[in-house]
Amino acid sequence: MMPSPHPDLSHTSRGMRRVCPTHAAMSSLELKIPPPVVALLFTLCMWLASSLVAPLELPFVLRVGAALTLVAVGLVVSTAGVVSFRRARTTINPTKPMATSALVTGGIYRITRNPMYLGLLLELLGCAAFLASPLALLLVAAFVLYISRFQIKPEERTLSALFGGEYGAYQERVRRWL
């Protein structure tokens, strides 16, 4: 029997397909929690984790300056993404990518395919800088992994289905994050 070309499917002795339970459980998390809520949850976890380990010894002024700069840049990047979507009159609802009515490739989208998520990442980095906690930085990395797996990849599948080769060409020109 040939292995399934789809990692989430396997064949029974009768040739019928069944969904792998682990993949089904993981897929159930896709597109469920809006990314700003995910970022808030990670911020809370970062704050809690920072109390478990002593902070890095960095001057307070440096921590605050780095935090404010990263958060401000993150807000600008995220806002640029939202404005581009509004101008194109397409949805910004991250839980309903099938409602996308236009492929936005101009403005900030020439630099990154996911400016709203990049903005959230920069804001989390700002929180981590303020907390000066190694554990907070690990949680920022965990945020990237979570958003990539449960938000960005499902959105990419949907956009490929909606826009076909046009989206594929865009993927080749512009990186997912930066």
N, C-alpha and C. Protein backbone atom coordinates (compact mmCIF):
# COMPACT_ATOMS: atom_id res chain seq x y z
N MET A 1 0.85 -1.17 0.00
CA MET A 1 0.00 0.00 0.00
C MET A 1 0.89 1.24 0.00
N MET A 2 0.56 2.19 -0.84
CA MET A 2 1.34 3.43 -0.95
C MET A 2 1.01 4.35 0.23
N PRO A 3 2.01 5.07 0.76
CA PRO A 3 1.71 6.03 1.83
C PRO A 3 0.89 7.19 1.26
N SER A 4 0.09 7.76 2.13
CA SER A 4 -0.76 8.88 1.73
C SER A 4 0.10 10.10 1.43
N PRO A 5 -0.20 10.81 0.34
CA PRO A 5 0.54 12.04 0.06
C PRO A 5 0.19 13.15 1.03
N HIS A 6 -0.84 12.97 1.81
CA HIS A 6 -1.28 13.96 2.80
C HIS A 6 -0.90 13.46 4.18
N PRO A 7 -0.11 14.23 4.95
CA PRO A 7 0.34 13.76 6.25
C PRO A 7 -0.79 13.59 7.25
N ASP A 8 -1.93 14.19 7.00
CA ASP A 8 -3.03 14.08 7.96
C ASP A 8 -3.97 12.93 7.66
N LEU A 9 -3.72 12.21 6.57
CA LEU A 9 -4.61 11.12 6.20
C LEU A 9 -3.83 9.81 6.17
N SER A 10 -4.50 8.75 6.49
CA SER A 10 -3.90 7.42 6.36
C SER A 10 -4.94 6.52 5.71
N HIS A 11 -4.48 5.40 5.22
CA HIS A 11 -5.39 4.47 4.55
C HIS A 11 -5.63 3.26 5.44
N THR A 12 -6.86 2.80 5.47
CA THR A 12 -7.19 1.59 6.19
C THR A 12 -7.00 0.42 5.24
N SER A 13 -7.19 -0.79 5.72
CA SER A 13 -7.01 -1.97 4.87
C SER A 13 -8.03 -1.99 3.73
N ARG A 14 -9.11 -1.27 3.86
CA ARG A 14 -10.13 -1.21 2.81
C ARG A 14 -9.90 -0.04 1.86
N GLY A 15 -8.81 0.70 2.06
CA GLY A 15 -8.50 1.80 1.17
C GLY A 15 -9.20 3.10 1.52
N MET A 16 -9.97 3.12 2.59
CA MET A 16 -10.68 4.34 2.98
C MET A 16 -9.74 5.25 3.76
N ARG A 17 -9.98 6.52 3.68
CA ARG A 17 -9.15 7.48 4.40
C ARG A 17 -9.75 7.78 5.77
N ARG A 18 -8.84 8.05 6.71
CA ARG A 18 -9.29 8.53 8.01
C ARG A 18 -8.33 9.64 8.44
N VAL A 19 -8.83 10.54 9.21
CA VAL A 19 -8.03 11.68 9.65
C VAL A 19 -7.24 11.26 10.89
N CYS A 20 -5.97 11.61 10.91
CA CYS A 20 -5.13 11.36 12.07
C CYS A 20 -5.68 12.16 13.25
N PRO A 21 -5.93 11.54 14.41
CA PRO A 21 -6.52 12.27 15.54
C PRO A 21 -5.67 13.45 16.01
N THR A 22 -4.35 13.29 16.00
CA THR A 22 -3.48 14.38 16.43
C THR A 22 -3.61 15.57 15.49
N HIS A 23 -3.60 15.29 14.19
CA HIS A 23 -3.73 16.37 13.21
C HIS A 23 -5.09 17.03 13.33
N ALA A 24 -6.13 16.25 13.54
CA ALA A 24 -7.47 16.81 13.68
C ALA A 24 -7.54 17.74 14.89
N ALA A 25 -6.92 17.34 15.99
CA ALA A 25 -6.92 18.19 17.19
C ALA A 25 -6.15 19.48 16.93
N MET A 26 -5.01 19.36 16.26
CA MET A 26 -4.21 20.55 15.96
C MET A 26 -4.95 21.46 14.98
N SER A 27 -5.59 20.87 13.98
CA SER A 27 -6.31 21.66 12.99
C SER A 27 -7.49 22.40 13.62
N SER A 28 -8.03 21.87 14.70
CA SER A 28 -9.17 22.53 15.34
C SER A 28 -8.77 23.87 15.95
N LEU A 29 -7.49 24.10 16.14
CA LEU A 29 -7.03 25.39 16.67
C LEU A 29 -6.82 26.44 15.58
N GLU A 30 -6.83 26.01 14.32
CA GLU A 30 -6.56 26.93 13.23
C GLU A 30 -7.65 27.99 13.12
N LEU A 31 -7.22 29.25 13.03
CA LEU A 31 -8.09 30.39 12.78
C LEU A 31 -9.17 30.59 13.84
N LYS A 32 -8.96 30.08 15.04
CA LYS A 32 -9.99 30.16 16.07
C LYS A 32 -9.83 31.38 16.98
N ILE A 33 -8.61 31.69 17.38
CA ILE A 33 -8.39 32.78 18.33
C ILE A 33 -7.80 33.97 17.57
N PRO A 34 -8.46 35.11 17.61
CA PRO A 34 -7.92 36.27 16.90
C PRO A 34 -6.50 36.60 17.38
N PRO A 35 -5.58 36.87 16.45
CA PRO A 35 -4.19 37.13 16.83
C PRO A 35 -3.98 38.21 17.89
N PRO A 36 -4.76 39.31 17.92
CA PRO A 36 -4.55 40.25 19.03
C PRO A 36 -4.84 39.62 20.40
N VAL A 37 -5.80 38.71 20.45
CA VAL A 37 -6.08 38.00 21.70
C VAL A 37 -4.92 37.08 22.05
N VAL A 38 -4.39 36.38 21.03
CA VAL A 38 -3.22 35.52 21.24
C VAL A 38 -2.07 36.35 21.78
N ALA A 39 -1.84 37.53 21.18
CA ALA A 39 -0.74 38.40 21.64
C ALA A 39 -0.96 38.84 23.08
N LEU A 40 -2.19 39.16 23.45
CA LEU A 40 -2.47 39.54 24.84
C LEU A 40 -2.20 38.38 25.80
N LEU A 41 -2.59 37.17 25.40
CA LEU A 41 -2.33 36.00 26.23
C LEU A 41 -0.82 35.77 26.39
N PHE A 42 -0.08 35.93 25.31
CA PHE A 42 1.37 35.78 25.39
C PHE A 42 1.99 36.88 26.24
N THR A 43 1.45 38.09 26.17
CA THR A 43 1.94 39.18 27.01
C THR A 43 1.75 38.85 28.48
N LEU A 44 0.59 38.33 28.82
CA LEU A 44 0.32 37.93 30.20
C LEU A 44 1.30 36.83 30.63
N CYS A 45 1.50 35.85 29.78
CA CYS A 45 2.44 34.76 30.10
C CYS A 45 3.87 35.30 30.26
N MET A 46 4.24 36.27 29.42
CA MET A 46 5.57 36.87 29.53
C MET A 46 5.73 37.57 30.87
N TRP A 47 4.71 38.30 31.26
CA TRP A 47 4.75 39.01 32.54
C TRP A 47 4.87 38.01 33.69
N LEU A 48 4.07 36.95 33.64
CA LEU A 48 4.14 35.93 34.70
C LEU A 48 5.50 35.22 34.69
N ALA A 49 6.00 34.89 33.51
CA ALA A 49 7.29 34.19 33.40
C ALA A 49 8.44 35.07 33.89
N SER A 50 8.31 36.38 33.70
CA SER A 50 9.39 37.27 34.12
C SER A 50 9.58 37.29 35.63
N SER A 51 8.54 36.89 36.35
CA SER A 51 8.66 36.84 37.82
C SER A 51 9.38 35.57 38.29
N LEU A 52 9.58 34.62 37.40
CA LEU A 52 10.22 33.36 37.77
C LEU A 52 11.75 33.43 37.70
N VAL A 53 12.27 34.34 36.89
CA VAL A 53 13.71 34.44 36.68
C VAL A 53 14.11 35.90 36.85
N ALA A 54 15.25 36.11 37.45
CA ALA A 54 15.74 37.48 37.63
C ALA A 54 15.93 38.14 36.27
N PRO A 55 15.56 39.42 36.16
CA PRO A 55 15.73 40.11 34.88
C PRO A 55 17.21 40.34 34.57
N LEU A 56 17.48 40.54 33.29
CA LEU A 56 18.83 40.92 32.88
C LEU A 56 19.12 42.30 33.47
N GLU A 57 20.35 42.52 33.83
CA GLU A 57 20.71 43.81 34.43
C GLU A 57 20.98 44.82 33.33
N LEU A 58 19.92 45.50 32.95
CA LEU A 58 19.99 46.55 31.93
C LEU A 58 19.46 47.83 32.54
N PRO A 59 20.03 48.96 32.16
CA PRO A 59 19.53 50.23 32.69
C PRO A 59 18.04 50.42 32.36
N PHE A 60 17.31 50.93 33.32
CA PHE A 60 15.88 51.13 33.17
C PHE A 60 15.58 52.00 31.95
N VAL A 61 16.35 53.05 31.77
CA VAL A 61 16.14 53.96 30.64
C VAL A 61 16.29 53.22 29.31
N LEU A 62 17.25 52.34 29.21
CA LEU A 62 17.45 51.55 28.00
C LEU A 62 16.27 50.62 27.76
N ARG A 63 15.82 49.96 28.81
CA ARG A 63 14.67 49.05 28.70
C ARG A 63 13.42 49.80 28.23
N VAL A 64 13.16 50.94 28.84
CA VAL A 64 11.97 51.72 28.49
C VAL A 64 12.09 52.27 27.07
N GLY A 65 13.26 52.78 26.73
CA GLY A 65 13.47 53.32 25.37
C GLY A 65 13.28 52.25 24.31
N ALA A 66 13.87 51.09 24.53
CA ALA A 66 13.73 49.99 23.56
C ALA A 66 12.27 49.55 23.48
N ALA A 67 11.62 49.44 24.63
CA ALA A 67 10.23 49.01 24.66
C ALA A 67 9.33 49.99 23.91
N LEU A 68 9.47 51.27 24.19
CA LEU A 68 8.63 52.27 23.53
C LEU A 68 8.88 52.30 22.03
N THR A 69 10.14 52.19 21.63
CA THR A 69 10.47 52.20 20.20
C THR A 69 9.86 51.00 19.49
N LEU A 70 10.05 49.80 20.06
CA LEU A 70 9.51 48.59 19.43
C LEU A 70 7.99 48.61 19.37
N VAL A 71 7.34 49.03 20.45
CA VAL A 71 5.88 49.08 20.47
C VAL A 71 5.38 50.11 19.45
N ALA A 72 6.03 51.28 19.39
CA ALA A 72 5.61 52.30 18.43
C ALA A 72 5.77 51.82 16.99
N VAL A 73 6.90 51.20 16.67
CA VAL A 73 7.10 50.67 15.31
C VAL A 73 6.08 49.57 15.03
N GLY A 74 5.82 48.73 16.01
CA GLY A 74 4.83 47.67 15.84
C GLY A 74 3.45 48.22 15.54
N LEU A 75 3.07 49.28 16.26
CA LEU A 75 1.76 49.89 16.02
C LEU A 75 1.68 50.51 14.62
N VAL A 76 2.76 51.14 14.18
CA VAL A 76 2.78 51.73 12.83
C VAL A 76 2.66 50.64 11.77
N VAL A 77 3.41 49.56 11.92
CA VAL A 77 3.39 48.47 10.94
C VAL A 77 2.00 47.83 10.89
N SER A 78 1.43 47.53 12.06
CA SER A 78 0.09 46.93 12.11
C SER A 78 -0.95 47.86 11.49
N THR A 79 -0.88 49.13 11.84
CA THR A 79 -1.84 50.10 11.33
C THR A 79 -1.73 50.22 9.81
N ALA A 80 -0.51 50.20 9.29
CA ALA A 80 -0.32 50.26 7.84
C ALA A 80 -1.01 49.07 7.16
N GLY A 81 -0.93 47.90 7.79
CA GLY A 81 -1.61 46.73 7.24
C GLY A 81 -3.12 46.89 7.24
N VAL A 82 -3.66 47.38 8.34
CA VAL A 82 -5.11 47.58 8.44
C VAL A 82 -5.58 48.62 7.42
N VAL A 83 -4.85 49.72 7.31
CA VAL A 83 -5.22 50.77 6.36
C VAL A 83 -5.21 50.23 4.93
N SER A 84 -4.21 49.43 4.58
CA SER A 84 -4.16 48.84 3.24
C SER A 84 -5.36 47.95 2.98
N PHE A 85 -5.77 47.16 3.96
CA PHE A 85 -6.94 46.31 3.80
C PHE A 85 -8.21 47.16 3.66
N ARG A 86 -8.32 48.20 4.45
CA ARG A 86 -9.51 49.07 4.38
C ARG A 86 -9.61 49.73 3.00
N ARG A 87 -8.46 50.21 2.49
CA ARG A 87 -8.46 50.83 1.16
C ARG A 87 -8.89 49.85 0.08
N ALA A 88 -8.51 48.60 0.24
CA ALA A 88 -8.88 47.56 -0.74
C ALA A 88 -10.29 47.02 -0.50
N ARG A 89 -10.92 47.49 0.56
CA ARG A 89 -12.26 47.05 0.94
C ARG A 89 -12.35 45.53 1.10
N THR A 90 -11.38 44.99 1.82
CA THR A 90 -11.39 43.56 2.10
C THR A 90 -11.40 43.36 3.61
N THR A 91 -11.72 42.19 4.05
CA THR A 91 -11.88 41.92 5.47
C THR A 91 -10.55 41.94 6.22
N ILE A 92 -10.61 42.39 7.46
CA ILE A 92 -9.45 42.27 8.34
C ILE A 92 -9.71 41.22 9.42
N ASN A 93 -10.84 40.53 9.29
CA ASN A 93 -11.19 39.50 10.27
C ASN A 93 -10.28 38.28 10.08
N PRO A 94 -9.37 38.03 11.02
CA PRO A 94 -8.42 36.93 10.83
C PRO A 94 -9.02 35.54 11.01
N THR A 95 -10.25 35.46 11.50
CA THR A 95 -10.86 34.15 11.66
C THR A 95 -11.72 33.76 10.45
N LYS A 96 -11.84 34.66 9.48
CA LYS A 96 -12.66 34.41 8.29
C LYS A 96 -11.91 34.76 7.00
N PRO A 97 -10.78 34.08 6.72
CA PRO A 97 -10.03 34.44 5.51
C PRO A 97 -10.79 34.17 4.22
N MET A 98 -11.81 33.30 4.24
CA MET A 98 -12.59 33.05 3.03
C MET A 98 -13.38 34.28 2.60
N ALA A 99 -13.54 35.25 3.50
CA ALA A 99 -14.27 36.48 3.18
C ALA A 99 -13.37 37.49 2.46
N THR A 100 -12.12 37.13 2.22
CA THR A 100 -11.19 38.04 1.54
C THR A 100 -11.69 38.31 0.13
N SER A 101 -11.78 39.60 -0.20
CA SER A 101 -12.29 39.97 -1.52
C SER A 101 -11.22 40.53 -2.45
N ALA A 102 -10.02 40.80 -1.91
CA ALA A 102 -8.95 41.35 -2.74
C ALA A 102 -7.61 40.88 -2.20
N LEU A 103 -6.68 40.65 -3.10
CA LEU A 103 -5.31 40.32 -2.71
C LEU A 103 -4.54 41.64 -2.63
N VAL A 104 -4.14 42.01 -1.43
CA VAL A 104 -3.44 43.27 -1.20
C VAL A 104 -1.93 43.01 -1.28
N THR A 105 -1.27 43.67 -2.24
CA THR A 105 0.17 43.46 -2.45
C THR A 105 0.96 44.77 -2.45
N GLY A 106 0.29 45.89 -2.29
CA GLY A 106 0.96 47.18 -2.31
C GLY A 106 1.22 47.70 -0.91
N GLY A 107 1.87 48.86 -0.84
CA GLY A 107 2.15 49.49 0.44
C GLY A 107 3.05 48.62 1.30
N ILE A 108 2.71 48.48 2.55
CA ILE A 108 3.50 47.68 3.50
C ILE A 108 3.58 46.22 3.06
N TYR A 109 2.60 45.78 2.26
CA TYR A 109 2.57 44.39 1.79
C TYR A 109 3.62 44.10 0.72
N ARG A 110 4.37 45.11 0.29
CA ARG A 110 5.52 44.87 -0.58
C ARG A 110 6.73 44.42 0.24
N ILE A 111 6.68 44.65 1.56
CA ILE A 111 7.80 44.34 2.45
C ILE A 111 7.56 43.05 3.23
N THR A 112 6.32 42.84 3.65
CA THR A 112 5.95 41.66 4.43
C THR A 112 4.55 41.23 4.06
N ARG A 113 4.33 39.91 4.03
CA ARG A 113 2.99 39.41 3.73
C ARG A 113 2.06 39.51 4.94
N ASN A 114 2.63 39.75 6.12
CA ASN A 114 1.83 39.73 7.35
C ASN A 114 2.16 40.92 8.26
N PRO A 115 1.91 42.14 7.81
CA PRO A 115 2.29 43.29 8.64
C PRO A 115 1.54 43.37 9.97
N MET A 116 0.31 42.91 10.01
CA MET A 116 -0.42 42.99 11.27
C MET A 116 0.20 42.04 12.31
N TYR A 117 0.62 40.87 11.86
CA TYR A 117 1.26 39.93 12.78
C TYR A 117 2.68 40.36 13.11
N LEU A 118 3.37 40.94 12.14
CA LEU A 118 4.70 41.49 12.40
C LEU A 118 4.61 42.61 13.42
N GLY A 119 3.58 43.44 13.31
CA GLY A 119 3.38 44.50 14.30
C GLY A 119 3.17 43.94 15.69
N LEU A 120 2.35 42.89 15.80
CA LEU A 120 2.15 42.24 17.10
C LEU A 120 3.47 41.68 17.64
N LEU A 121 4.26 41.08 16.75
CA LEU A 121 5.56 40.55 17.16
C LEU A 121 6.45 41.66 17.71
N LEU A 122 6.51 42.80 17.01
CA LEU A 122 7.33 43.92 17.49
C LEU A 122 6.83 44.44 18.83
N GLU A 123 5.53 44.46 19.01
CA GLU A 123 4.96 44.90 20.29
C GLU A 123 5.35 43.93 21.40
N LEU A 124 5.29 42.63 21.12
CA LEU A 124 5.73 41.64 22.11
C LEU A 124 7.21 41.78 22.42
N LEU A 125 8.01 42.05 21.39
CA LEU A 125 9.44 42.28 21.62
C LEU A 125 9.64 43.51 22.52
N GLY A 126 8.80 44.51 22.34
CA GLY A 126 8.85 45.68 23.21
C GLY A 126 8.56 45.32 24.65
N CYS A 127 7.56 44.48 24.86
CA CYS A 127 7.25 44.02 26.23
C CYS A 127 8.41 43.23 26.79
N ALA A 128 9.00 42.37 25.97
CA ALA A 128 10.14 41.57 26.42
C ALA A 128 11.32 42.46 26.77
N ALA A 129 11.54 43.52 25.99
CA ALA A 129 12.63 44.45 26.28
C ALA A 129 12.39 45.14 27.62
N PHE A 130 11.17 45.54 27.86
CA PHE A 130 10.86 46.19 29.13
C PHE A 130 11.06 45.24 30.31
N LEU A 131 10.60 44.00 30.14
CA LEU A 131 10.72 43.01 31.21
C LEU A 131 12.16 42.53 31.40
N ALA A 132 12.96 42.63 30.34
CA ALA A 132 14.37 42.19 30.37
C ALA A 132 14.49 40.76 30.88
N SER A 133 13.58 39.92 30.41
CA SER A 133 13.53 38.53 30.88
C SER A 133 13.85 37.56 29.74
N PRO A 134 14.81 36.67 29.96
CA PRO A 134 15.09 35.65 28.94
C PRO A 134 13.87 34.77 28.64
N LEU A 135 13.07 34.47 29.67
CA LEU A 135 11.87 33.66 29.45
C LEU A 135 10.86 34.40 28.57
N ALA A 136 10.79 35.72 28.71
CA ALA A 136 9.89 36.50 27.87
C ALA A 136 10.30 36.38 26.41
N LEU A 137 11.60 36.39 26.15
CA LEU A 137 12.07 36.25 24.77
C LEU A 137 11.71 34.88 24.20
N LEU A 138 11.79 33.86 25.03
CA LEU A 138 11.39 32.52 24.57
C LEU A 138 9.91 32.49 24.20
N LEU A 139 9.11 33.21 24.98
CA LEU A 139 7.69 33.25 24.68
C LEU A 139 7.40 34.05 23.40
N VAL A 140 8.22 35.03 23.09
CA VAL A 140 8.07 35.74 21.81
C VAL A 140 8.30 34.75 20.66
N ALA A 141 9.32 33.92 20.80
CA ALA A 141 9.57 32.89 19.78
C ALA A 141 8.39 31.92 19.69
N ALA A 142 7.81 31.57 20.82
CA ALA A 142 6.65 30.67 20.83
C ALA A 142 5.46 31.33 20.13
N PHE A 143 5.30 32.64 20.29
CA PHE A 143 4.25 33.38 19.59
C PHE A 143 4.41 33.24 18.07
N VAL A 144 5.63 33.41 17.59
CA VAL A 144 5.91 33.29 16.15
C VAL A 144 5.53 31.90 15.66
N LEU A 145 5.92 30.87 16.41
CA LEU A 145 5.59 29.50 16.03
C LEU A 145 4.07 29.28 16.01
N TYR A 146 3.38 29.77 17.04
CA TYR A 146 1.94 29.60 17.13
C TYR A 146 1.23 30.30 15.97
N ILE A 147 1.55 31.58 15.77
CA ILE A 147 0.88 32.35 14.72
C ILE A 147 1.19 31.77 13.34
N SER A 148 2.43 31.33 13.14
CA SER A 148 2.78 30.73 11.85
C SER A 148 1.95 29.48 11.58
N ARG A 149 1.83 28.63 12.58
CA ARG A 149 1.14 27.34 12.40
C ARG A 149 -0.38 27.47 12.37
N PHE A 150 -0.93 28.23 13.30
CA PHE A 150 -2.39 28.23 13.46
C PHE A 150 -3.11 29.41 12.81
N GLN A 151 -2.36 30.39 12.32
CA GLN A 151 -2.99 31.52 11.67
C GLN A 151 -2.48 31.71 10.24
N ILE A 152 -1.18 31.88 10.10
CA ILE A 152 -0.64 32.23 8.78
C ILE A 152 -0.77 31.08 7.78
N LYS A 153 -0.36 29.89 8.15
CA LYS A 153 -0.44 28.78 7.18
C LYS A 153 -1.88 28.50 6.72
N PRO A 154 -2.86 28.49 7.62
CA PRO A 154 -4.24 28.32 7.13
C PRO A 154 -4.70 29.48 6.22
N GLU A 155 -4.28 30.70 6.57
CA GLU A 155 -4.61 31.83 5.70
C GLU A 155 -3.98 31.66 4.32
N GLU A 156 -2.74 31.20 4.30
CA GLU A 156 -2.05 31.00 3.02
C GLU A 156 -2.76 29.96 2.16
N ARG A 157 -3.23 28.89 2.78
CA ARG A 157 -3.99 27.88 2.03
C ARG A 157 -5.25 28.50 1.41
N THR A 158 -5.93 29.31 2.22
CA THR A 158 -7.15 29.95 1.74
C THR A 158 -6.86 30.93 0.61
N LEU A 159 -5.82 31.75 0.77
CA LEU A 159 -5.48 32.72 -0.27
C LEU A 159 -5.03 32.03 -1.55
N SER A 160 -4.35 30.91 -1.42
CA SER A 160 -3.97 30.14 -2.61
C SER A 160 -5.20 29.63 -3.32
N ALA A 161 -6.20 29.17 -2.56
CA ALA A 161 -7.43 28.69 -3.17
C ALA A 161 -8.21 29.83 -3.83
N LEU A 162 -8.19 31.00 -3.20
CA LEU A 162 -8.94 32.14 -3.74
C LEU A 162 -8.26 32.81 -4.93
N PHE A 163 -6.93 32.94 -4.87
CA PHE A 163 -6.22 33.76 -5.86
C PHE A 163 -5.21 32.99 -6.70
N GLY A 164 -5.06 31.71 -6.46
CA GLY A 164 -4.24 30.84 -7.29
C GLY A 164 -2.83 31.34 -7.55
N GLY A 165 -2.46 31.37 -8.83
CA GLY A 165 -1.11 31.73 -9.25
C GLY A 165 -0.72 33.15 -8.86
N GLU A 166 -1.68 34.04 -8.81
CA GLU A 166 -1.37 35.42 -8.41
C GLU A 166 -0.82 35.44 -6.99
N TYR A 167 -1.43 34.66 -6.09
CA TYR A 167 -0.93 34.60 -4.72
C TYR A 167 0.40 33.86 -4.67
N GLY A 168 0.55 32.81 -5.46
CA GLY A 168 1.82 32.08 -5.51
C GLY A 168 2.97 32.97 -5.94
N ALA A 169 2.73 33.82 -6.93
CA ALA A 169 3.77 34.76 -7.39
C ALA A 169 4.10 35.77 -6.30
N TYR A 170 3.07 36.21 -5.59
CA TYR A 170 3.28 37.14 -4.47
C TYR A 170 4.12 36.49 -3.37
N GLN A 171 3.83 35.22 -3.07
CA GLN A 171 4.61 34.49 -2.06
C GLN A 171 6.08 34.41 -2.44
N GLU A 172 6.34 34.27 -3.73
CA GLU A 172 7.74 34.18 -4.19
C GLU A 172 8.45 35.53 -4.08
N ARG A 173 7.72 36.62 -4.23
CA ARG A 173 8.32 37.96 -4.19
C ARG A 173 8.52 38.50 -2.77
N VAL A 174 7.59 38.17 -1.87
CA VAL A 174 7.56 38.80 -0.54
C VAL A 174 7.60 37.71 0.54
N ARG A 175 8.47 37.94 1.52
CA ARG A 175 8.62 36.96 2.60
C ARG A 175 7.43 37.00 3.57
N ARG A 176 7.26 35.91 4.30
CA ARG A 176 6.17 35.78 5.24
C ARG A 176 6.26 36.83 6.36
N TRP A 177 7.42 36.99 6.96
CA TRP A 177 7.59 37.94 8.06
C TRP A 177 8.36 39.17 7.60
N LEU A 178 9.60 39.00 7.27
CA LEU A 178 10.44 40.11 6.77
C LEU A 178 11.42 39.60 5.74
